[in-house]
Amino acid sequence: MRIERLRIPAFGPLRDIDTGPDPLPGFVVVTGPNEAGKTTLLEAIRTLLHGIYPARRDAHPLAPWDGTEGEILGDFRTRDGSRFHAHRRILAAPWGRLYRNDVEEDLRNAHLPPADHVPREIYRQVHAIDLPELTRLQQGNAWNAIRDRILAGMGTRDMAPPRTVADALEGGANALWRPDRRSRTRDMALGTEIEERTADLREARSKDQELREARDAVDWGDARLAALRRERAELAERVRRAAELLPLGARIRHLDTLRREAGDPSELATLPASPRERRRELLEIEEGLEAEVRRFEAAVSEAGSRVPPPSASEDRILELRGELEALRVEATGAEDARQRARELAGEAVRVQAEVEDLATPLLDDAGRWLAPPRRSELLAALRAVALDELRTRLVERSAAEARRAEAEERLSLHRARPEVAPPPLRPASTVRLLLGMSALVFLAAIAVLLRGTADSWIVLGALVGAVALGAAAIRIRAGNREAAAGHERALAERRAEAQALEDRLRSHDRAVSEASAGVGRCVAELPLHPERVTEGREGLATSLERLRERLRELERLHSAVGAEEERVVGINRSILALVDRLQRAEDFRDPDQDSDVDPDVGPDVDPDPDPERDPAPATASPTPAPAPAVALAPLLTRLEEAGRAAETRRQAIREVEDARRRLEEAGTRLAEARGRRETLDDALRRITREAAGSGTPEAGPGVELTAHPTPAHPTPGPGSGADGRTEPSSAVEVAERRLEALRQARHLERELQAAHGSLPELRIRVREAESEWHADGTAASTADLARAHARIEALAEEIEAAATELQRNRSLLEQVDQVLTADLLESELARLREERTIVRRERDRLWVLARVTRVAEQRFREAHQPRLVRRAEEVLSVLTRGRYDSLLLGDERDPGALQVRGSHLPGALPVESPLSAGTREQIWFALRMAVVDLVEGGGEPLPLVLDEVFVNWDPDRRGAALDALADLAERRQIFLVTCHPHFAREAASRGAGVVELAPLGRGILVPDPSETPGRDPESRSRIHPGTRPDLQEPPA
């Protein structure tokens, strides 16, 4: 298992530690000055693997001192390639989370699952060590557990070590029996208990007779006391039932009497609670309804007298109500139409002015084209114009004119530029002079050279001068030719540029002409001013479009005015036709009203409109009300009067019908009230006849009710005796007495049922209580109850005396019973003797098993110990370059001994002084390297943390150890902690990654990879100071 990333936001003095996103290598060197937190980093790794100890924040020595929460995070990769993320916090209670395969697990304070095969204490002793801990491998209980696990249990965690089993067996045997008499063994305890029980047996045999007599007395006292208590309870229960149930017998008998007086309840079911009051109430209701019937009959007569007679003329005009209402609405519509016509005419005048303003600058002879006959032709021509195409042509012409103006300007600027001046040339005489001088100097030099009279250097200089003069002359001549050729080229380019500008200008002239022709074709049908066609811009299309819209609006207004006038004429014709039809009828002829209005033409409509002039006048003036409206007004007035008369007649008829309906309702209620009263009288007669026939003393013979005669007229006269309504007092009294008896019986029955349950069961209980006192069933008397109370008191005194005697006998029995009986003591002695025999046999068995276990453990160690020793000898031989090559571990007599052999030694020496401290540390280091592989038992290899273990080693052996660690790092991750920079450089030269802690534990410093010789910069951790990733989000 490897730690790929370690983050420590706060732990002890460490703050904001992060090794970075790149995975840590297998061999990591942690370096830094003193108090940088290296040892704290070692403890953080142990805490991340095996939990927080001590678990509470206030007891943990490395809880942050500034009050923040201690926190450690780590990313791990196991041997099979799976990854997980661990997160622990130092809080009031342990807190830990494990994130694996996108699943969060609650660790609390448990070990990480891959590290669970190595306990925390063994990991601290073997995997995470510092220099003092290196030589303390065999001290304390940890080494014993490690040795037992490696040499005996072979990594099995569900079995105890053999030495522990043997010690437990010997301890159990010694606890059972020892040959000496000083120890308090189980065998000695059983012997003492056997002696005590023997003495108790002798005493128990002497008191056995006394115990039997006391027990008999207690049994007789219990039986007598129970009989007395049972008798007292039975007698008290009889008295209680008599006191409770005997008074209920009188109430039950009274209930039976009331039931007999009430008779059959079904006969009284139809009667009200108070027949007298109910009959009087019904008579009052009947008299009130009779008076109400008389009042409604008078109201019907009065309402009938108020109904007016019908009128034929009113009926005739009401038949025409719908047509008159429609004509009134149409008359109102005609007035609205006239008003709209005037408004439209005014709007037409305003639009006409706008059209003239638009057409005058555009059209040639605008007045003639805007007249009504030619205006339609103008609008048709405007509609035929493609304004979008016209706009396009105008834009093209404007663009072409702009391009032509630009071309003219560029041509004028080109013509205004000065002519190209010829370049200055060197004279030809100068060239010839230089060539001549060059030839003379050359010839003179040749001549001097031939004569040999001058120095060779002078001759050489003369020759060089001659060559220079000739070259200058040739250069001047070439420059003159090049300047002349350039001047000719400039002249040709200027002539070509002028020709191109002229060609472009002619092209733009043709484009302007073509665009103007396109504009002319677009407006060919319109009578426009010629200058508007030739000089028009984009605004011409906009003006034409607005003129067309205004002409359309003017035509629409003229059409709307004509439509409104036509509507007014139609409405006037309808009104006058109806008025004429009504006036010709006999019922509606009115000599005072005539109509001189032409029914075909309205008074404010021109009968002969001129098609050559606008239908809308320049101004609109109010006109008098039209004659059709004047003729319609009297008819509407007569219609309203006829409607009021008809409504008055209908209201009178409704009042008569309402009075008749209320009269019928009052008669129905009177009949219902009379029926209810007669039903009550029939019920009272029936009860009186049944009482007389049954001989009930309360009903006198021959009692009869006088029936109320039904009068021939619904309004009988008032009176109490003449109309047969005399009250039947005797029948009412009989009914009321029976109803009262029935109410009292039901009330008493409900009280008995509520207090004592079912009434039949209560009758049975009362009869049983009355029959308990005498054989003939006579109820108990007061004397019987007094005798029963006296007997209860006497029984209480006897019970008290019997209880006192029983308590005395029981006390005596308890005193005697404190000594065990002989039978119990004899069986207890037999059990103790048998247990003592079993104890001695068990002690022998445990002792034999302990010896067998120790022998088996010795043999097992002898068979498996060489593997550990051989691995340690291999490592030691590598570290010491073969100087020490053999180790010897202690045997059964001295299990903690460790010896070393070498070729230079006379024999085996113990690993102690006079061996040097460095040599002893190397021997223990080799032994730990061997133990690390065996202690894991084939489980996940855990990181190895070494803190300053190479301080006392020479460079040669330290280099050998680093080589061994580099090889081991391929199988197991190693953290080497040191404060010596040269140690870190040596480890880095062997492929280790260097992590440098900043002072005071603030972040991590990353040295320049180039400072570490032989180290690939890409293999170093990318670690930055002060970075803190998101602590809550687990890795993906």
Foldseek 3Di string as FASTA:
>chain_A
DAWQWKFWCAWALFHGAILFDGGAFQFEAEAAFPLLCLVVVLVLQLCQAAFDPVQALVPGPTAGPVPDKTKIKTWDAFPVGFIKIKIWIHHRFTWIWIAGPNDIDTQRGGGDVQNNLAHSVLCDLFFRDEAVSLLCNLDDCSNVVLCQCQQPVLSDPVDDRLQVLLVVLQVLLVQLDDPDDPDDHVLVVLVVVLVVLVVLLVVQVVCVVVLVVLVVLLVVLVVVLVVLVVVLVVLVVLLVLQVVQQVVVVLVVLLVVLDVLLDDVVLLPPADLANVVVLVVLVVLLQVLLVVLVVLVVLLVVLVVQFDDDDPLLVVLLVCVVVLVVLVVLLVVLVVLVVVLQVLLQVLLVLLVVLCVLVVQWFDPSVVCSFVVNVVVQLVLLVPFPLVLLLVLQVLLVVLVVQLVVLVVVLVVLVPDDDDDQDDADDVVQLVVLLVVLVVLLVVLVVCVVVVPDDPVVSVVSNVVSVVSNVVSVVRVVVRVVSRVVSVVVNVVSVVVSVVSVVSSVVSVVSNVVSLVSLCVSNVSGRTDPCCSNVPHSVVSVSSVVSSVSSVSSVVSLVSSVVSQVSSQVSQLSLVVVLVVQCVDPSRPDVVDDDPDDSRHWPPDDPDDDSRHRPRDNHDDDDDRIPSVVSSVVSVVSNVVSVVSVVSSVVSVVSSVVSVVVSVVSVVVSVVSLVVSVVSQVSLQVVLVVCVVVVPVLRDPPQHQFRQDDDPDSNDDDDCPPRRNPDSVSSSVSSNSSSVSVVVSVVSCVVCCVVPNDPVVSVVSSQVSQCPQDVVSHRDDPVSSVVSVVVSVVSVVVSVVSVVSSVVSVVSSVVSVVSPHSVVSVVVSVVSVVVSVVSNVSSVVSNVVSVVSVVVSQVSSVVPVVQLFQQLLVQLCLLVVQQWRGKDADHPVCRHWIWTDGPPDPDTDTLDPPPDPQSSSSSSVSSSVSSQVSNSSPGTRAEREYEPSCVPPDPSSLLSVLLVSLVCSVRHRYYYYDHDVVSVLSNQLSAHAYWYRYNSNFYTDDDDPVVRPNHDVVSHRPGDTPDDDDSPDIDD
